[in-house]
Amino acid sequence: MSVGFTGPTIGHPTEVLARTIEQAHRLGLQVQLSGGVTGAATLAAALALRPDRVNLACETLNDRAWLEHALRAPEVPLHVCLDVRGDSLIARGSGVDCGTLADALQWLAPRHASVVVTDIEADGAMTGPNLPLLETVAAAGVTVIASGGVRDAADLTALRALAGRGE
């Protein structure tokens, strides 16, 4: 089960989201929080909800000192979102430029990072996953979670064939 966690929720009552996560855990489901987790305050707010894992926004790549600290001692598994447009990383929610894919991979690989890869040009279009992009990211030595594009069982088979090529 994936539960969306967005920036506007921070600082507002999160009782409904907390109850939903609690119910998911009682049902034996894992919960992933994603969206709007851009720094220490938003990560603390996300962790207070007790998810099983958290996706850090692409924007966190712009504060490498903080990201380094967060990746060193996570309370739960953390995944860095890579919102890819061509060779660039552009945060989907804010449009903030987050550098190049090559630079991010060079920095993330030695840290044994896990990344969520989204081709933002094709996200939601159901045109199939961008396999060349996923192969490139996996070849850098990071753990890859493919996001978006899946339209049928053939796409799932193609993604399965990529499993194990990265970390």
Foldseek 3Di string as FASTA:
>chain_A
DEDEDEQVCQPPDPVVVLVVCVVCVVVVHAYEYEYHQQFDSSVVVVVVSPGQEYEYWLNNLVVVVRVLVCLVDPPHAYAYEAADEPQWGAGPPPRDTNGGPVVVLVVCQVSQHEYEYDPNVCAPVLQAFPVVVVLVSQQSQHHYDYDGNHNDVVSVVSVVVCPPSHD
